[in-house]
Amino acid sequence: MTVGVEWQPVCALAELEVGRGATALVHGQSVAIFRTDGDQVYALGNHDPFARASVMAKGIVGRREDVPFVASPAHRHAFDLRTGRCLDDAHVRVPAYDVKVVDGVVLVGQRKPLSAA
């Protein structure tokens, strides 16, 4: 088991469209990467638990008050981009990953703990 955080480079920030998702294979997992206004970048598991398909990157990005979210394209359930929690069903969530941008490169780290806000 590896100790510490391994950051995997995914793409250049400039390659991500604002408000659109992209997919990447990160640490062996299909991950949906999203860039929002202000160049915030988020990463969630790409698997939609309601549709049971890998489609989260095709979802619609928006905001509910101060919460950035992606709505799954199949059933429109909204997921908090920061935590992966479903805003429509508190019992459902998708994995959320640490993300940072260094010198214009998007890096994805480890999966966030379930208690992360």
Protein backbone atom coordinates (compact mmCIF):
# COMPACT_ATOMS: atom_id res chain seq x y z
CA MET A 1 0.00 0.00 0.00
CA THR A 2 1.33 3.42 -0.94
CA VAL A 3 1.63 5.97 1.84
CA GLY A 4 0.73 9.60 1.11
CA VAL A 5 -1.05 11.18 -1.79
CA GLU A 6 -0.13 10.30 -5.34
CA TRP A 7 -1.10 13.04 -7.74
CA GLN A 8 -1.80 11.91 -11.29
CA PRO A 9 -1.56 14.49 -14.09
CA VAL A 10 -4.71 14.37 -16.20
CA CYS A 11 -4.64 17.25 -18.68
CA ALA A 12 -3.89 20.93 -19.10
CA LEU A 13 -6.44 23.23 -17.47
CA ALA A 14 -6.86 24.98 -20.83
CA GLU A 15 -8.10 21.71 -22.35
CA LEU A 16 -11.14 21.61 -20.04
CA GLU A 17 -14.19 23.56 -21.17
CA VAL A 18 -15.96 25.58 -18.48
CA GLY A 19 -19.23 23.88 -17.56
CA ARG A 20 -18.41 20.66 -19.38
CA GLY A 21 -17.13 17.33 -18.11
CA ALA A 22 -14.29 15.16 -19.37
CA THR A 23 -13.32 11.63 -18.44
CA ALA A 24 -9.97 10.24 -17.38
CA LEU A 25 -8.63 7.01 -16.00
CA VAL A 26 -7.16 7.93 -12.61
CA HIS A 27 -5.65 5.37 -10.25
CA GLY A 28 -7.50 2.70 -12.26
CA GLN A 29 -10.90 4.39 -11.88
CA SER A 30 -13.06 6.19 -14.44
CA VAL A 31 -13.27 9.77 -13.20
CA ALA A 32 -15.33 12.71 -14.45
CA ILE A 33 -13.43 16.02 -14.35
CA PHE A 34 -15.32 19.33 -14.30
CA ARG A 35 -14.13 22.94 -14.68
CA THR A 36 -16.44 25.65 -13.39
CA ASP A 37 -16.40 29.43 -13.58
CA GLY A 38 -13.39 30.85 -11.78
CA ASP A 39 -11.30 27.87 -12.92
CA GLN A 40 -12.35 25.61 -10.04
CA VAL A 41 -11.77 21.98 -11.01
CA TYR A 42 -13.54 18.99 -9.45
CA ALA A 43 -13.36 15.22 -9.92
CA LEU A 44 -16.11 12.69 -9.25
CA GLY A 45 -16.51 9.03 -10.02
CA ASN A 46 -17.95 8.76 -13.53
CA HIS A 47 -20.48 6.04 -12.60
CA ASP A 48 -24.08 7.25 -12.15
CA PRO A 49 -25.60 5.09 -9.40
CA PHE A 50 -29.16 5.74 -10.61
CA ALA A 51 -28.59 5.00 -14.31
CA ARG A 52 -25.97 2.34 -13.51
CA ALA A 53 -23.81 3.67 -16.32
CA SER A 54 -20.59 5.65 -16.67
CA VAL A 55 -22.14 8.92 -17.80
CA MET A 56 -21.50 11.55 -15.11
CA ALA A 57 -19.03 13.48 -17.31
CA LYS A 58 -21.90 14.10 -19.76
CA GLY A 59 -23.99 15.81 -17.06
CA ILE A 60 -25.08 19.42 -16.80
CA VAL A 61 -23.00 21.62 -14.48
CA GLY A 62 -24.79 24.24 -12.39
CA ARG A 63 -25.23 25.80 -8.95
CA ARG A 64 -27.83 25.47 -6.21
CA GLU A 65 -27.24 28.48 -4.01
CA ASP A 66 -23.52 28.08 -3.10
CA VAL A 67 -23.25 24.42 -4.11
CA PRO A 68 -21.62 23.57 -7.44
CA PHE A 69 -23.22 20.42 -8.86
CA VAL A 70 -23.49 18.16 -11.86
CA ALA A 71 -26.86 16.73 -12.86
CA SER A 72 -26.61 13.23 -14.23
CA PRO A 73 -27.70 13.10 -17.87
CA ALA A 74 -29.96 10.08 -17.42
CA HIS A 75 -32.19 10.99 -14.46
CA ARG A 76 -31.07 14.55 -13.64
CA HIS A 77 -30.10 13.79 -10.04
CA ALA A 78 -27.75 16.53 -8.84
CA PHE A 79 -24.42 15.66 -7.20
CA ASP A 80 -22.31 18.11 -5.19
CA LEU A 81 -19.04 18.52 -7.09
CA ARG A 82 -17.14 19.06 -3.83
CA THR A 83 -18.28 15.95 -1.96
CA GLY A 84 -20.11 13.65 -4.38
CA ARG A 85 -23.28 13.74 -2.25
CA CYS A 86 -26.56 13.56 -4.12
CA LEU A 87 -28.56 16.73 -3.47
CA ASP A 88 -31.81 14.91 -4.26
CA ASP A 89 -31.27 11.78 -2.15
CA ALA A 90 -29.07 12.11 0.96
CA HIS A 91 -28.44 8.34 1.02
CA VAL A 92 -26.61 8.33 -2.32
CA ARG A 93 -23.18 9.62 -3.28
CA VAL A 94 -20.45 9.11 -5.84
CA PRO A 95 -16.74 9.18 -5.05
CA ALA A 96 -15.11 12.62 -4.97
CA TYR A 97 -11.38 13.09 -5.53
CA ASP A 98 -8.83 15.69 -4.47
CA VAL A 99 -7.85 17.99 -7.34
CA LYS A 100 -5.21 20.66 -7.72
CA VAL A 101 -3.83 22.69 -10.61
CA VAL A 102 -0.05 23.18 -10.76
CA ASP A 103 1.56 25.20 -13.53
CA GLY A 104 -1.59 24.86 -15.63
CA VAL A 105 -1.78 21.06 -15.25
CA VAL A 106 -4.77 19.37 -13.59
CA LEU A 107 -3.69 16.77 -11.04
CA VAL A 108 -6.08 14.29 -9.41
CA GLY A 109 -5.22 12.77 -6.07
CA GLN A 110 -6.82 10.27 -3.77
CA ARG A 111 -10.49 9.64 -3.19
CA LYS A 112 -11.86 11.94 -0.49
CA PRO A 113 -13.11 10.34 2.74
CA LEU A 114 -16.88 10.02 3.03
CA SER A 115 -16.95 12.60 5.81
CA ALA A 116 -15.26 15.29 3.64
CA ALA A 117 -17.38 18.40 3.17
